[in-house]
Amino acid sequence: MQGFSTWSRRDFNTFIRACEKYGRNDIKSIASEMEGKTEEEVERYAQVFKQRYKELNDYDRIIKNIERGEARISRRDEIMKAIGKKLDRYKNPWLELRIQYGQNKGKLYNDECDRFMICMVHKLGYGNWDELKAAFRTSPLFRFDWFVKSRTTQELARRCDTLIRLVERENQEYDERERQARKEKKLSKNTTPAKRDMARQAAESPPTQKKRKQLLMDDYVNSVGGSPLLVYLILHFPNFASMPVFVTKQELWFWQGKKRK
């Protein structure tokens, strides 16, 4: 680009690759890849590139490559955050961590191997598969585990991705339970028992409401030995089941518009 006469084509290509690797905003890391350039020079170059990149003949391809790299960085950050959140729920995750496998446990990797893998990825960073393989090969825990020691970096990466999906799903379920618990706690604190019961009934599905009402009717009828009078009340007065008082025959006849004989 004009105004940077000391920057060669090689410098430009190195700058683009560094942007793909670290993202356009990580000037310090980009500068670490640039031989003979200071961080201030790289920052000025990045500002001009941001303003004038469309003047390049193949700018569309260059930007797409950079954006794909930034998407990978974003995904990596999400993964590390998810793993950290999972590990924070244990006092000693290296010994206590458990994976909720569901139907995805498989038969080749055991719990100890998966626990070590998740904890080591948290320590080394996602994507450092050579370092992860070396950790398995040198750990005394797997001294005689020839299966895991003979896995390739690609196989370890695939297993790690499977575990990460399980961890993310577990985190979502955990967050949902926490939200529900906070909601119920707030409801319990701010409402009376009667209002809580009304809110619970409103949240029930119609089949559940119908079943609950039928159970209430059965309880009332059974408590008085199947009294025809009580059956009539329950069937003809829907609110009767929730009434806290007993109804006399006189009150029943009054509701029916009849006079006592």
Protein backbone atom coordinates (compact mmCIF):
# COMPACT_ATOMS: atom_id res chain seq x y z
CA MET A 1 0.00 0.00 0.00
CA GLN A 2 1.07 3.58 -0.67
CA GLY A 3 2.77 5.37 2.21
CA PHE A 4 4.56 2.22 3.41
CA SER A 5 7.51 2.05 1.07
CA THR A 6 9.50 -0.15 3.45
CA TRP A 7 6.80 -2.84 3.46
CA SER A 8 7.41 -5.58 0.90
CA ARG A 9 4.97 -8.05 -0.62
CA ARG A 10 6.32 -10.59 1.82
CA ASP A 11 5.50 -8.28 4.73
CA PHE A 12 1.98 -7.87 3.38
CA ASN A 13 1.43 -11.65 3.14
CA THR A 14 2.81 -12.13 6.65
CA PHE A 15 0.45 -9.44 7.92
CA ILE A 16 -2.57 -11.14 6.30
CA ARG A 17 -1.66 -14.57 7.70
CA ALA A 18 -1.21 -13.04 11.16
CA CYS A 19 -4.64 -11.43 10.90
CA GLU A 20 -6.13 -14.82 10.08
CA LYS A 21 -4.31 -16.41 13.00
CA TYR A 22 -4.92 -13.79 15.70
CA GLY A 23 -7.73 -11.58 14.41
CA ARG A 24 -7.43 -8.02 13.13
CA ASN A 25 -7.71 -6.46 16.58
CA ASP A 26 -4.81 -8.32 18.22
CA ILE A 27 -2.10 -5.93 17.08
CA LYS A 28 0.43 -7.14 19.63
CA SER A 29 0.25 -10.74 18.40
CA ILE A 30 0.30 -9.66 14.75
CA ALA A 31 3.40 -7.57 15.40
CA SER A 32 5.12 -10.60 16.95
CA GLU A 33 4.90 -12.28 13.53
CA MET A 34 6.29 -9.28 11.63
CA GLU A 35 10.05 -9.37 11.31
CA GLY A 36 11.67 -5.96 11.61
CA LYS A 37 8.43 -4.09 12.37
CA THR A 38 7.49 -2.39 15.60
CA GLU A 39 4.07 -2.64 17.16
CA GLU A 40 3.43 1.04 16.34
CA GLU A 41 4.26 0.48 12.68
CA VAL A 42 1.98 -2.53 12.51
CA GLU A 43 -0.86 -0.59 14.14
CA ARG A 44 -0.56 2.22 11.58
CA TYR A 45 -0.48 -0.31 8.75
CA ALA A 46 -3.56 -2.07 10.16
CA GLN A 47 -5.49 1.22 10.31
CA VAL A 48 -4.72 2.01 6.66
CA PHE A 49 -5.53 -1.58 5.64
CA LYS A 50 -8.92 -1.29 7.36
CA GLN A 51 -9.73 1.90 5.47
CA ARG A 52 -8.40 0.96 2.03
CA TYR A 53 -8.49 -2.85 1.70
CA LYS A 54 -11.18 -2.63 -1.01
CA GLU A 55 -8.59 -1.13 -3.33
CA LEU A 56 -6.91 -4.54 -3.51
CA ASN A 57 -7.76 -6.65 -6.54
CA ASP A 58 -8.55 -9.78 -4.50
CA TYR A 59 -9.81 -8.05 -1.36
CA ASP A 60 -12.94 -10.27 -1.18
CA ARG A 61 -10.88 -13.46 -0.88
CA ILE A 62 -8.49 -11.86 1.63
CA ILE A 63 -11.30 -10.62 3.90
CA LYS A 64 -13.13 -13.95 3.77
CA ASN A 65 -9.98 -15.77 4.87
CA ILE A 66 -9.48 -13.32 7.73
CA GLU A 67 -13.13 -13.64 8.81
CA ARG A 68 -12.89 -17.45 8.81
CA GLY A 69 -9.84 -17.18 11.03
CA GLU A 70 -11.64 -14.81 13.38
CA ALA A 71 -14.61 -17.21 13.53
CA ARG A 72 -12.25 -20.00 14.60
CA ILE A 73 -10.83 -17.72 17.30
CA SER A 74 -14.33 -16.89 18.54
CA ARG A 75 -15.27 -20.56 18.64
CA ARG A 76 -12.09 -21.42 20.51
CA ASP A 77 -12.88 -18.77 23.12
CA GLU A 78 -16.40 -20.20 23.53
CA ILE A 79 -14.97 -23.68 24.04
CA MET A 80 -12.47 -22.54 26.66
CA LYS A 81 -15.20 -20.64 28.48
CA ALA A 82 -17.48 -23.71 28.46
CA ILE A 83 -14.72 -25.97 29.80
CA GLY A 84 -13.84 -23.45 32.50
CA LYS A 85 -17.46 -23.23 33.55
CA LYS A 86 -17.67 -27.00 33.81
CA LEU A 87 -14.46 -27.28 35.86
CA ASP A 88 -15.53 -24.50 38.23
CA ARG A 89 -18.26 -26.78 39.58
CA TYR A 90 -15.65 -29.13 41.07
CA LYS A 91 -13.22 -28.63 43.92
CA ASN A 92 -10.67 -30.93 42.25
CA PRO A 93 -11.73 -31.56 38.62
CA TRP A 94 -8.67 -33.71 37.91
CA LEU A 95 -10.17 -36.31 40.28
CA GLU A 96 -13.87 -35.45 40.50
CA LEU A 97 -14.98 -34.30 37.05
CA ARG A 98 -17.78 -36.36 35.52
CA ILE A 99 -19.14 -36.23 31.98
CA GLN A 100 -22.87 -36.71 31.34
CA TYR A 101 -22.52 -38.96 28.30
CA GLY A 102 -26.09 -39.94 27.55
CA GLN A 103 -25.84 -42.19 24.49
CA ASN A 104 -22.42 -40.87 23.41
CA LYS A 105 -20.01 -42.53 25.82
CA GLY A 106 -18.50 -45.02 23.41
CA LYS A 107 -16.43 -48.05 24.37
CA LEU A 108 -12.85 -47.05 23.57
CA TYR A 109 -12.19 -44.10 25.91
CA ASN A 110 -12.76 -44.53 29.65
CA ASP A 111 -13.81 -41.92 32.23
CA GLU A 112 -10.26 -41.32 33.44
CA CYS A 113 -9.05 -40.64 29.91
CA ASP A 114 -11.89 -38.22 29.16
CA ARG A 115 -11.43 -36.40 32.47
CA PHE A 116 -7.71 -36.00 31.81
CA MET A 117 -8.39 -34.77 28.27
CA ILE A 118 -10.85 -32.05 29.35
CA CYS A 119 -8.60 -30.84 32.17
CA MET A 120 -5.51 -30.84 29.96
CA VAL A 121 -7.25 -28.91 27.17
CA HIS A 122 -8.22 -26.33 29.78
CA LYS A 123 -4.56 -26.11 30.76
CA LEU A 124 -2.98 -26.18 27.29
CA GLY A 125 -5.67 -24.42 25.26
CA TYR A 126 -7.97 -25.80 22.61
CA GLY A 127 -6.24 -26.83 19.40
CA ASN A 128 -2.82 -27.70 20.82
CA TRP A 129 -3.14 -31.34 19.84
CA ASP A 130 0.58 -32.15 19.69
CA GLU A 131 0.96 -30.97 23.28
CA LEU A 132 -2.11 -32.98 24.30
CA LYS A 133 -0.72 -36.13 22.70
CA ALA A 134 2.61 -35.61 24.49
CA ALA A 135 0.76 -35.16 27.80
CA PHE A 136 -0.95 -38.53 27.38
CA ARG A 137 2.30 -40.27 26.44
CA THR A 138 4.21 -38.91 29.44
CA SER A 139 1.50 -39.17 32.11
CA PRO A 140 1.98 -42.07 34.57
CA LEU A 141 -1.81 -42.51 34.60
CA PHE A 142 -1.64 -44.01 31.11
CA ARG A 143 1.67 -45.82 31.35
CA PHE A 144 0.06 -49.11 30.27
CA ASP A 145 -2.85 -47.69 28.25
CA TRP A 146 -1.56 -48.49 24.78
CA PHE A 147 -4.81 -47.48 23.14
CA VAL A 148 -4.76 -43.82 24.18
CA LYS A 149 -0.97 -43.56 23.82
CA SER A 150 -1.23 -44.71 20.21
CA ARG A 151 -3.95 -42.24 19.18
CA THR A 152 -3.07 -39.68 16.52
CA THR A 153 -3.56 -35.96 17.06
CA GLN A 154 -6.56 -36.05 14.69
CA GLU A 155 -8.21 -38.82 16.73
CA LEU A 156 -7.61 -36.96 19.98
CA ALA A 157 -9.07 -33.81 18.44
CA ARG A 158 -12.22 -35.65 17.37
CA ARG A 159 -12.69 -37.15 20.82
CA CYS A 160 -12.16 -33.77 22.42
CA ASP A 161 -14.78 -32.19 20.14
CA THR A 162 -17.26 -34.89 21.16
CA LEU A 163 -16.61 -34.21 24.85
CA ILE A 164 -16.91 -30.45 24.34
CA ARG A 165 -20.35 -30.84 22.78
CA LEU A 166 -21.42 -32.88 25.81
CA VAL A 167 -20.01 -30.25 28.18
CA GLU A 168 -21.81 -27.43 26.36
CA ARG A 169 -25.11 -29.32 26.47
CA GLU A 170 -24.63 -30.01 30.18
CA ASN A 171 -23.87 -26.32 30.81
CA GLN A 172 -27.07 -25.32 29.04
CA GLU A 173 -29.12 -27.72 31.14
CA TYR A 174 -27.38 -26.51 34.30
CA ASP A 175 -28.10 -22.87 33.43
CA GLU A 176 -31.74 -23.68 32.76
CA ARG A 177 -32.09 -25.37 36.15
CA GLU A 178 -30.44 -22.39 37.82
CA ARG A 179 -32.80 -19.94 36.08
CA GLN A 180 -35.81 -22.01 37.08
CA ALA A 181 -34.62 -22.20 40.69
CA ARG A 182 -34.10 -18.43 40.84
CA LYS A 183 -37.51 -17.86 39.30
CA GLU A 184 -39.21 -20.13 41.84
CA LYS A 185 -37.28 -18.56 44.71
CA LYS A 186 -38.34 -15.07 43.59
CA LEU A 187 -41.93 -16.21 43.20
CA SER A 188 -41.90 -17.81 46.64
CA LYS A 189 -40.49 -14.65 48.21
CA ASN A 190 -42.81 -12.13 46.57
CA THR A 191 -46.18 -13.89 46.49
CA THR A 192 -48.65 -15.42 48.92
CA PRO A 193 -49.37 -19.17 48.93
CA ALA A 194 -52.68 -18.55 47.14
CA LYS A 195 -51.01 -16.58 44.35
CA ARG A 196 -48.28 -19.18 43.99
CA ASP A 197 -50.96 -21.84 43.59
CA MET A 198 -52.72 -19.73 40.94
CA ALA A 199 -49.44 -19.21 39.07
CA ARG A 200 -48.73 -22.93 39.19
CA GLN A 201 -52.19 -23.74 37.86
CA ALA A 202 -51.79 -21.19 35.07
CA ALA A 203 -48.55 -22.86 34.01
CA GLU A 204 -50.15 -26.29 33.85
CA SER A 205 -51.25 -27.73 30.54
CA PRO A 206 -55.02 -28.38 30.06
CA PRO A 207 -54.65 -32.19 30.45
CA THR A 208 -52.72 -31.66 33.69
CA GLN A 209 -55.37 -29.25 35.01
CA LYS A 210 -58.13 -31.71 34.17
CA LYS A 211 -56.29 -34.56 35.92
CA ARG A 212 -55.62 -32.43 38.99
CA LYS A 213 -59.29 -31.39 39.24
CA GLN A 214 -60.41 -35.00 38.93
CA LEU A 215 -58.04 -36.03 41.73
CA LEU A 216 -59.44 -33.26 43.95
CA MET A 217 -62.98 -34.44 43.23
CA ASP A 218 -62.09 -38.03 44.05
CA ASP A 219 -60.48 -36.95 47.33
CA TYR A 220 -63.55 -34.98 48.38
CA VAL A 221 -65.98 -37.73 47.45
CA ASN A 222 -63.96 -40.44 49.19
CA SER A 223 -63.57 -38.35 52.34
CA VAL A 224 -67.35 -38.43 52.92
CA GLY A 225 -68.00 -41.91 51.64
CA GLY A 226 -69.30 -40.88 48.22
CA SER A 227 -72.06 -38.50 49.41
CA PRO A 228 -74.51 -37.67 46.55
CA LEU A 229 -74.80 -34.16 47.93
CA LEU A 230 -71.06 -33.57 47.69
CA VAL A 231 -70.94 -35.11 44.22
CA TYR A 232 -73.64 -32.67 43.11
CA LEU A 233 -71.70 -29.73 44.53
CA ILE A 234 -68.47 -30.74 42.81
CA LEU A 235 -70.10 -31.34 39.45
CA HIS A 236 -72.31 -28.24 39.37
CA PHE A 237 -70.11 -25.72 41.20
CA PRO A 238 -66.54 -25.79 39.70
CA ASN A 239 -65.12 -23.56 42.43
CA PHE A 240 -66.35 -25.80 45.22
CA ALA A 241 -63.23 -27.99 45.23
CA SER A 242 -61.09 -25.00 46.22
CA MET A 243 -63.50 -23.65 48.86
CA PRO A 244 -62.08 -23.73 52.43
CA VAL A 245 -65.52 -24.02 54.10
CA PHE A 246 -68.21 -26.68 54.36
CA VAL A 247 -71.60 -26.11 52.73
CA THR A 248 -74.85 -26.86 54.55
CA LYS A 249 -77.98 -28.31 52.97
CA GLN A 250 -79.73 -24.99 53.49
CA GLU A 251 -77.01 -23.17 51.50
CA LEU A 252 -77.21 -25.79 48.76
CA TRP A 253 -81.00 -25.36 48.40
CA PHE A 254 -80.54 -21.60 48.35
CA TRP A 255 -78.03 -21.84 45.48
CA GLN A 256 -80.49 -24.07 43.61
CA GLY A 257 -83.23 -21.49 44.03
CA LYS A 258 -85.30 -23.83 46.16
CA LYS A 259 -87.01 -23.37 49.54
CA ARG A 260 -86.38 -25.70 52.39
CA LYS A 261 -89.22 -28.13 52.77
